[in-house]
Amino acid sequence: MVLAEGPLSESEEIHLFGMDDPTKVVEQIRRYVGDGRLEIAEVMAEELCAMLLSDKKRDLTRQRLLVEALRDHASILEIRGKWKQSIRAGKQRDSERKRLANTLSRAGDTEGAAVVKSLHSSDSIQTGRSHLGNGKFGPALSSFKAARRGAKYNLEASLRPLEA
């Protein structure tokens, strides 16, 4: 790649969208979604997730950011009607959420682990909606059932199976 100053050396890094601070990127993605700029939000979320997933030695802060970014990415894909991609992002989010909960438990933060595990219901509802949109009613019902196990009085988890 050649810029006005000349070619880049190998030691120089290019930070797409200012990705050197993932916290700010997550906030920016959410602002874009709020403004209705879903396409750029999707691209940014996808790039952020790829960047965080490539770092195999993530600390707790980066792992939390990864789970948030994957959650936002799956939701954006759902809003845009990209059901299969949303389901795929949701599966990745679920495995990274479990990893985060296990890491918090091992670190002795049982309250933090409980909070992370409590998000399973809302994540299951999002996955169920994506399965419904994709026309896969069996997996959708399974997702809503899992959501009801975690949050018995969640109205959406109780009513969505009636749509299927």
Protein backbone atom coordinates (compact mmCIF):
# COMPACT_ATOMS: atom_id res chain seq x y z
CA MET A 1 0.00 0.00 0.00
CA VAL A 2 1.35 3.42 -0.90
CA LEU A 3 0.37 6.58 0.92
CA ALA A 4 1.26 10.20 0.21
CA GLU A 5 4.38 9.89 2.37
CA GLY A 6 5.57 6.78 0.54
CA PRO A 7 5.32 3.04 1.07
CA LEU A 8 4.71 1.60 4.53
CA SER A 9 7.52 -0.22 6.25
CA GLU A 10 6.89 -3.66 7.72
CA SER A 11 7.08 -2.30 11.27
CA GLU A 12 4.22 0.16 10.71
CA GLU A 13 0.74 -1.06 11.54
CA ILE A 14 -2.48 0.09 10.00
CA HIS A 15 -5.32 0.37 12.49
CA LEU A 16 -8.57 0.11 10.59
CA PHE A 17 -11.28 2.37 12.05
CA GLY A 18 -9.02 3.27 15.01
CA MET A 19 -9.15 -0.29 16.32
CA ASP A 20 -6.29 0.30 18.74
CA ASP A 21 -8.92 0.96 21.46
CA PRO A 22 -11.64 -1.72 21.17
CA THR A 23 -13.78 -0.08 23.88
CA LYS A 24 -14.21 3.03 21.74
CA VAL A 25 -14.92 0.89 18.69
CA VAL A 26 -17.76 -0.93 20.50
CA GLU A 27 -19.23 2.44 21.51
CA GLN A 28 -18.90 3.71 17.93
CA ILE A 29 -20.60 0.60 16.55
CA ARG A 30 -23.52 1.16 18.92
CA ARG A 31 -23.77 4.81 17.87
CA TYR A 32 -23.85 3.76 14.21
CA VAL A 33 -26.63 1.27 14.94
CA GLY A 34 -28.55 3.98 16.77
CA ASP A 35 -28.15 6.25 13.75
CA GLY A 36 -29.34 3.50 11.41
CA ARG A 37 -25.95 3.05 9.74
CA LEU A 38 -26.11 -0.72 9.91
CA GLU A 39 -23.79 -1.54 7.02
CA ILE A 40 -20.78 0.29 8.46
CA ALA A 41 -21.64 -1.02 11.94
CA GLU A 42 -21.65 -4.57 10.56
CA VAL A 43 -18.26 -4.14 8.89
CA MET A 44 -16.74 -2.59 12.01
CA ALA A 45 -18.16 -5.30 14.27
CA GLU A 46 -16.88 -8.03 11.97
CA GLU A 47 -13.39 -6.50 11.85
CA LEU A 48 -13.31 -5.99 15.61
CA CYS A 49 -14.37 -9.58 16.26
CA ALA A 50 -11.74 -10.89 13.85
CA MET A 51 -9.07 -8.77 15.49
CA LEU A 52 -9.99 -9.87 19.01
CA LEU A 53 -10.35 -13.53 18.00
CA SER A 54 -6.89 -13.50 16.45
CA ASP A 55 -5.39 -12.60 19.85
CA LYS A 56 -5.17 -16.03 21.48
CA LYS A 57 -3.81 -14.70 24.80
CA ARG A 58 -6.64 -12.33 25.67
CA ASP A 59 -6.91 -10.87 29.14
CA LEU A 60 -10.28 -10.62 30.90
CA THR A 61 -10.98 -7.13 29.58
CA ARG A 62 -10.39 -8.15 25.97
CA GLN A 63 -12.46 -11.32 26.45
CA ARG A 64 -15.38 -9.25 27.77
CA LEU A 65 -15.03 -6.90 24.81
CA LEU A 66 -15.00 -9.87 22.45
CA VAL A 67 -18.23 -11.22 23.92
CA GLU A 68 -19.86 -7.77 23.65
CA ALA A 69 -18.63 -7.34 20.08
CA LEU A 70 -19.90 -10.79 19.07
CA ARG A 71 -23.26 -10.06 20.71
CA ASP A 72 -23.54 -6.77 18.82
CA HIS A 73 -22.38 -8.40 15.58
CA ALA A 74 -24.99 -11.17 15.83
CA SER A 75 -27.71 -8.61 16.55
CA ILE A 76 -26.70 -6.39 13.64
CA LEU A 77 -26.72 -9.37 11.29
CA GLU A 78 -30.17 -10.32 12.60
CA ILE A 79 -31.49 -6.80 12.00
CA ARG A 80 -30.10 -6.87 8.46
CA GLY A 81 -31.77 -10.23 7.79
CA LYS A 82 -28.54 -12.20 7.43
CA TRP A 83 -29.87 -15.14 9.38
CA LYS A 84 -27.19 -17.76 8.74
CA GLN A 85 -24.37 -15.35 9.53
CA SER A 86 -26.20 -14.24 12.66
CA ILE A 87 -26.53 -17.84 13.81
CA ARG A 88 -22.82 -18.43 13.16
CA ALA A 89 -21.86 -15.28 15.10
CA GLY A 90 -24.21 -16.38 17.90
CA LYS A 91 -22.50 -19.76 18.18
CA GLN A 92 -19.12 -18.04 18.42
CA ARG A 93 -20.54 -15.65 21.04
CA ASP A 94 -21.85 -18.57 23.09
CA SER A 95 -18.50 -20.36 23.15
CA GLU A 96 -16.62 -17.16 24.03
CA ARG A 97 -19.20 -16.34 26.73
CA LYS A 98 -18.63 -19.78 28.28
CA ARG A 99 -14.89 -19.24 28.10
CA LEU A 100 -15.29 -15.87 29.86
CA ALA A 101 -17.49 -17.38 32.59
CA ASN A 102 -14.96 -20.18 33.18
CA THR A 103 -12.08 -17.71 33.32
CA LEU A 104 -13.95 -15.54 35.82
CA SER A 105 -14.77 -18.59 37.97
CA ARG A 106 -11.13 -19.69 37.99
CA ALA A 107 -10.10 -16.15 38.96
CA GLY A 108 -12.48 -16.31 41.95
CA ASP A 109 -14.98 -13.78 40.59
CA THR A 110 -18.14 -15.84 41.12
CA GLU A 111 -20.41 -12.79 40.89
CA GLY A 112 -18.94 -11.79 37.54
CA ALA A 113 -19.31 -15.36 36.28
CA ALA A 114 -22.95 -15.41 37.41
CA VAL A 115 -23.64 -12.14 35.56
CA VAL A 116 -22.06 -13.52 32.38
CA LYS A 117 -24.07 -16.74 32.66
CA SER A 118 -27.27 -14.75 33.19
CA LEU A 119 -26.85 -13.29 29.69
CA HIS A 120 -27.39 -16.76 28.25
CA SER A 121 -31.18 -16.23 28.17
CA SER A 122 -31.08 -13.05 26.11
CA ASP A 123 -28.47 -14.61 23.81
CA SER A 124 -30.69 -17.68 23.35
CA ILE A 125 -33.63 -15.46 22.43
CA GLN A 126 -31.53 -13.66 19.82
CA THR A 127 -30.38 -17.00 18.38
CA GLY A 128 -33.98 -18.24 18.34
CA ARG A 129 -35.14 -15.18 16.40
CA SER A 130 -32.37 -15.80 13.86
CA HIS A 131 -33.43 -19.44 13.49
CA LEU A 132 -37.05 -18.30 13.00
CA GLY A 133 -35.97 -15.85 10.33
CA ASN A 134 -34.02 -18.62 8.62
CA GLY A 135 -37.10 -20.88 8.69
CA LYS A 136 -35.56 -23.44 11.07
CA PHE A 137 -38.34 -23.96 13.57
CA GLY A 138 -36.86 -26.88 15.54
CA PRO A 139 -33.64 -25.06 16.48
CA ALA A 140 -35.68 -21.91 17.17
CA LEU A 141 -37.89 -23.77 19.64
CA SER A 142 -34.80 -25.26 21.30
CA SER A 143 -33.29 -21.80 21.70
CA PHE A 144 -36.47 -20.38 23.23
CA LYS A 145 -36.72 -23.37 25.57
CA ALA A 146 -33.14 -22.75 26.73
CA ALA A 147 -34.01 -19.09 27.28
CA ARG A 148 -37.03 -20.02 29.40
CA ARG A 149 -34.87 -22.29 31.57
CA GLY A 150 -32.66 -19.32 32.43
CA ALA A 151 -35.43 -16.72 32.76
CA LYS A 152 -38.75 -18.39 33.51
CA TYR A 153 -40.79 -15.19 33.31
CA ASN A 154 -39.28 -13.74 30.15
CA LEU A 155 -42.23 -12.77 27.99
CA GLU A 156 -40.44 -13.00 24.64
CA ALA A 157 -39.05 -16.46 25.42
CA SER A 158 -42.57 -17.61 26.28
CA LEU A 159 -44.42 -16.04 23.33
CA ARG A 160 -41.98 -16.54 20.44
CA PRO A 161 -42.51 -20.33 20.32
CA LEU A 162 -46.17 -19.65 19.58
CA GLU A 163 -45.10 -17.90 16.36
CA ALA A 164 -43.24 -21.00 15.23
